[in-house]
N, C-alpha and C. Protein backbone atom coordinates (compact mmCIF):
# COMPACT_ATOMS: atom_id res chain seq x y z
N UNK A 1 4.64 -30.03 30.69
CA UNK A 1 4.40 -29.24 29.56
C UNK A 1 5.71 -29.12 28.80
N UNK A 2 5.68 -29.41 27.50
CA UNK A 2 6.86 -29.35 26.67
C UNK A 2 6.82 -28.09 25.81
N UNK A 3 7.92 -27.36 25.75
CA UNK A 3 8.02 -26.20 24.91
C UNK A 3 8.93 -26.45 23.77
N UNK A 4 8.45 -26.17 22.59
CA UNK A 4 9.30 -26.40 21.35
C UNK A 4 10.14 -25.18 21.14
N UNK A 5 11.00 -25.32 20.07
CA UNK A 5 11.96 -24.29 19.79
C UNK A 5 11.33 -22.95 19.34
N UNK A 6 10.01 -23.05 18.92
CA UNK A 6 9.32 -21.83 18.47
C UNK A 6 8.70 -21.09 19.61
N UNK A 7 8.76 -21.64 20.88
CA UNK A 7 8.20 -20.93 22.04
C UNK A 7 6.78 -21.34 22.37
N UNK A 8 6.17 -22.19 21.57
CA UNK A 8 4.80 -22.61 21.86
C UNK A 8 4.82 -23.92 22.65
N UNK A 9 3.89 -24.12 23.56
CA UNK A 9 3.76 -25.37 24.21
C UNK A 9 3.02 -26.32 23.26
N UNK A 10 3.04 -27.59 23.57
CA UNK A 10 2.34 -28.59 22.75
C UNK A 10 0.86 -28.33 22.71
N UNK A 11 0.31 -27.80 23.80
CA UNK A 11 -1.11 -27.51 23.83
C UNK A 11 -1.49 -26.32 23.00
N UNK A 12 -0.51 -25.38 22.76
CA UNK A 12 -0.74 -24.22 22.02
C UNK A 12 -0.46 -24.37 20.48
N UNK A 13 0.11 -25.47 20.10
CA UNK A 13 0.50 -25.68 18.65
C UNK A 13 -0.65 -26.36 17.93
N UNK A 14 -1.01 -25.97 16.78
CA UNK A 14 -0.61 -24.78 16.09
C UNK A 14 -1.24 -23.54 16.61
N UNK A 15 -0.61 -22.39 16.48
CA UNK A 15 -1.23 -21.15 17.03
C UNK A 15 -2.52 -20.87 16.33
N UNK A 16 -3.42 -20.16 17.03
CA UNK A 16 -4.70 -19.84 16.46
C UNK A 16 -4.55 -18.47 15.81
N UNK A 17 -4.48 -18.46 14.49
CA UNK A 17 -4.31 -17.20 13.74
C UNK A 17 -5.66 -16.59 13.44
N UNK A 18 -6.75 -17.19 13.85
CA UNK A 18 -8.03 -16.59 13.68
C UNK A 18 -8.41 -15.48 14.65
N UNK A 19 -7.58 -15.38 15.68
CA UNK A 19 -7.85 -14.35 16.69
C UNK A 19 -7.51 -12.96 16.15
N UNK A 20 -8.20 -11.98 16.67
CA UNK A 20 -7.91 -10.56 16.27
C UNK A 20 -6.57 -10.14 16.92
N UNK A 21 -5.78 -9.51 16.12
CA UNK A 21 -4.48 -8.96 16.57
C UNK A 21 -4.68 -7.50 16.90
N UNK A 22 -4.46 -7.14 18.09
CA UNK A 22 -4.57 -5.77 18.53
C UNK A 22 -3.27 -5.02 18.29
N UNK A 23 -3.41 -3.78 17.76
CA UNK A 23 -2.22 -2.99 17.54
C UNK A 23 -2.18 -1.86 18.63
N UNK A 24 -1.01 -1.52 19.07
CA UNK A 24 -0.92 -0.38 20.02
C UNK A 24 -1.33 0.92 19.41
N UNK A 25 -1.78 1.84 20.18
CA UNK A 25 -2.14 3.13 19.66
C UNK A 25 -1.04 3.77 18.89
N UNK A 26 -1.37 4.32 17.70
CA UNK A 26 -0.31 4.94 16.91
C UNK A 26 0.67 3.91 16.29
N UNK A 27 0.18 2.75 16.04
CA UNK A 27 0.96 1.65 15.59
C UNK A 27 1.28 1.78 14.08
N UNK A 28 1.42 0.65 13.42
CA UNK A 28 1.84 0.60 12.02
C UNK A 28 0.91 1.37 11.12
N UNK A 29 -0.39 1.28 11.35
CA UNK A 29 -1.33 2.00 10.49
C UNK A 29 -1.11 3.47 10.38
N UNK A 30 -0.72 4.09 11.49
CA UNK A 30 -0.42 5.55 11.50
C UNK A 30 0.83 5.83 10.63
N UNK A 31 1.83 4.96 10.71
CA UNK A 31 3.06 5.21 10.02
C UNK A 31 2.84 5.08 8.54
N UNK A 32 1.99 4.09 8.09
CA UNK A 32 1.78 3.97 6.61
C UNK A 32 1.00 5.14 6.11
N UNK A 33 0.11 5.69 6.93
CA UNK A 33 -0.70 6.86 6.45
C UNK A 33 0.17 8.10 6.34
N UNK A 34 1.08 8.27 7.23
CA UNK A 34 2.06 9.39 7.17
C UNK A 34 2.97 9.23 6.01
N UNK A 35 3.39 8.00 5.72
CA UNK A 35 4.24 7.75 4.55
C UNK A 35 3.54 8.16 3.24
N UNK A 36 2.24 7.75 3.18
CA UNK A 36 1.46 8.05 2.00
C UNK A 36 1.31 9.53 1.78
N UNK A 37 1.11 10.28 2.87
CA UNK A 37 0.96 11.76 2.78
C UNK A 37 2.28 12.34 2.30
N UNK A 38 3.39 11.92 2.88
CA UNK A 38 4.70 12.39 2.44
C UNK A 38 4.92 12.08 0.95
N UNK A 39 4.60 10.86 0.58
CA UNK A 39 4.83 10.44 -0.86
C UNK A 39 3.99 11.39 -1.77
N UNK A 40 2.73 11.63 -1.41
CA UNK A 40 1.92 12.56 -2.28
C UNK A 40 2.38 14.01 -2.21
N UNK A 41 2.87 14.49 -1.12
CA UNK A 41 3.36 15.86 -1.07
C UNK A 41 4.59 15.99 -1.97
N UNK A 42 5.44 15.01 -1.93
CA UNK A 42 6.69 15.04 -2.82
C UNK A 42 6.21 14.98 -4.27
N UNK A 43 5.20 14.18 -4.59
CA UNK A 43 4.64 14.05 -5.93
C UNK A 43 4.08 15.36 -6.42
N UNK A 44 3.34 16.01 -5.59
CA UNK A 44 2.73 17.32 -5.99
C UNK A 44 3.82 18.34 -6.22
N UNK A 45 4.83 18.39 -5.33
CA UNK A 45 5.91 19.32 -5.58
C UNK A 45 6.66 19.03 -6.83
N UNK A 46 7.02 17.81 -7.11
CA UNK A 46 7.73 17.53 -8.33
C UNK A 46 6.90 17.73 -9.59
N UNK A 47 5.65 17.37 -9.53
CA UNK A 47 4.75 17.57 -10.68
C UNK A 47 4.62 19.10 -10.95
N UNK A 48 4.53 19.88 -9.91
CA UNK A 48 4.44 21.34 -10.07
C UNK A 48 5.77 21.88 -10.64
N UNK A 49 6.90 21.39 -10.23
CA UNK A 49 8.14 21.87 -10.73
C UNK A 49 8.41 21.43 -12.18
N UNK A 50 7.71 20.41 -12.62
CA UNK A 50 7.84 19.97 -14.05
C UNK A 50 6.63 20.47 -14.85
N UNK A 51 5.91 21.42 -14.34
CA UNK A 51 4.83 22.15 -15.10
C UNK A 51 3.62 21.24 -15.44
N UNK A 52 3.27 20.27 -14.64
CA UNK A 52 2.13 19.41 -14.90
C UNK A 52 0.79 20.03 -14.50
N UNK A 53 0.82 21.12 -13.71
CA UNK A 53 -0.43 21.79 -13.28
C UNK A 53 -0.76 22.94 -14.12
N UNK A 54 -0.05 23.24 -15.14
CA UNK A 54 -0.34 24.33 -16.04
C UNK A 54 -1.46 23.87 -17.04
N UNK A 55 -2.44 24.65 -17.30
CA UNK A 55 -3.49 24.41 -18.25
C UNK A 55 -4.28 23.09 -17.92
N UNK A 56 -4.63 22.95 -16.64
CA UNK A 56 -5.40 21.78 -16.29
C UNK A 56 -6.90 22.02 -16.36
N UNK A 57 -7.32 22.42 -17.56
CA UNK A 57 -8.78 22.68 -17.77
C UNK A 57 -9.43 21.57 -18.51
N UNK A 58 -8.73 20.74 -19.12
CA UNK A 58 -9.29 19.62 -19.88
C UNK A 58 -8.80 18.31 -19.33
N UNK A 59 -9.29 17.20 -19.82
CA UNK A 59 -9.07 15.87 -19.32
C UNK A 59 -7.59 15.46 -19.43
N UNK A 60 -6.99 15.67 -20.57
CA UNK A 60 -5.62 15.20 -20.74
C UNK A 60 -4.62 15.81 -19.74
N UNK A 61 -4.63 17.13 -19.56
CA UNK A 61 -3.73 17.69 -18.59
C UNK A 61 -3.98 17.25 -17.13
N UNK A 62 -5.26 17.05 -16.82
CA UNK A 62 -5.62 16.54 -15.50
C UNK A 62 -5.04 15.14 -15.30
N UNK A 63 -5.21 14.25 -16.31
CA UNK A 63 -4.70 12.89 -16.22
C UNK A 63 -3.13 12.88 -16.12
N UNK A 64 -2.55 13.80 -16.92
CA UNK A 64 -1.07 13.92 -16.88
C UNK A 64 -0.60 14.30 -15.49
N UNK A 65 -1.34 15.29 -14.87
CA UNK A 65 -0.99 15.71 -13.46
C UNK A 65 -1.11 14.62 -12.46
N UNK A 66 -2.26 13.84 -12.57
CA UNK A 66 -2.47 12.75 -11.68
C UNK A 66 -1.38 11.65 -11.84
N UNK A 67 -1.01 11.36 -13.07
CA UNK A 67 0.02 10.36 -13.34
C UNK A 67 1.35 10.89 -12.74
N UNK A 68 1.63 12.18 -12.93
CA UNK A 68 2.94 12.70 -12.43
C UNK A 68 2.97 12.70 -10.87
N UNK A 69 1.89 12.95 -10.23
CA UNK A 69 1.87 12.90 -8.79
C UNK A 69 2.03 11.49 -8.26
N UNK A 70 1.33 10.53 -8.91
CA UNK A 70 1.44 9.13 -8.45
C UNK A 70 2.68 8.47 -8.82
N UNK A 71 3.24 8.78 -9.98
CA UNK A 71 4.44 8.10 -10.49
C UNK A 71 5.63 9.06 -10.45
N UNK A 72 5.75 9.87 -9.45
CA UNK A 72 6.80 10.88 -9.43
C UNK A 72 8.20 10.36 -9.47
N UNK A 73 8.53 9.16 -9.02
CA UNK A 73 9.86 8.64 -9.20
C UNK A 73 10.31 8.57 -10.66
N UNK A 74 9.33 8.35 -11.55
CA UNK A 74 9.66 8.35 -13.03
C UNK A 74 10.11 9.73 -13.50
N UNK A 75 9.60 10.79 -12.84
CA UNK A 75 10.03 12.13 -13.22
C UNK A 75 11.50 12.34 -12.92
N UNK A 76 11.93 11.75 -11.86
CA UNK A 76 13.36 11.91 -11.47
C UNK A 76 14.31 11.30 -12.41
N UNK A 77 13.89 10.28 -13.15
CA UNK A 77 14.78 9.69 -14.16
C UNK A 77 14.54 10.21 -15.54
N UNK A 78 13.73 11.21 -15.67
CA UNK A 78 13.54 11.92 -16.98
C UNK A 78 12.44 11.42 -17.80
N UNK A 79 11.51 10.66 -17.35
CA UNK A 79 10.38 10.17 -18.19
C UNK A 79 9.34 11.20 -18.23
N UNK A 80 8.88 11.56 -19.44
CA UNK A 80 7.84 12.56 -19.61
C UNK A 80 6.46 11.88 -19.55
N UNK A 81 5.64 12.37 -18.63
CA UNK A 81 4.31 11.80 -18.42
C UNK A 81 3.20 12.67 -18.95
N UNK A 82 3.54 13.66 -19.76
CA UNK A 82 2.49 14.47 -20.35
C UNK A 82 1.77 13.67 -21.45
N UNK A 83 0.42 13.61 -21.32
CA UNK A 83 -0.35 12.86 -22.28
C UNK A 83 -0.65 13.81 -23.43
N UNK A 84 -0.35 13.35 -24.66
CA UNK A 84 -0.53 14.23 -25.86
C UNK A 84 -1.59 13.65 -26.76
C-alpha cells in the first residue's frame, strides 16, 4: 500500500466527498449562532444609542431601525441610516 504526501493511500484517492461529515456536539454551528446573537445585540445597542427606535410607528422608522441593527458598523463611522 502506497501513501501519498496528502496522507491518502492509492486505494483511497480521490477521497469521497459525498459522505456526510459529522460535527462534534457544540461544534462550529453553535459558535456561528452565538456570533450572530452577539452581532445583533451590539446592533440593537448602537441603534438605540443613535435614536433609531424613537417614533417607530410607521414604515420608514421601522426600516431605518432594521438597517441600523443590521449595518451597525456603518454607524460607527458616522453614516446616517435614517430613511427620510
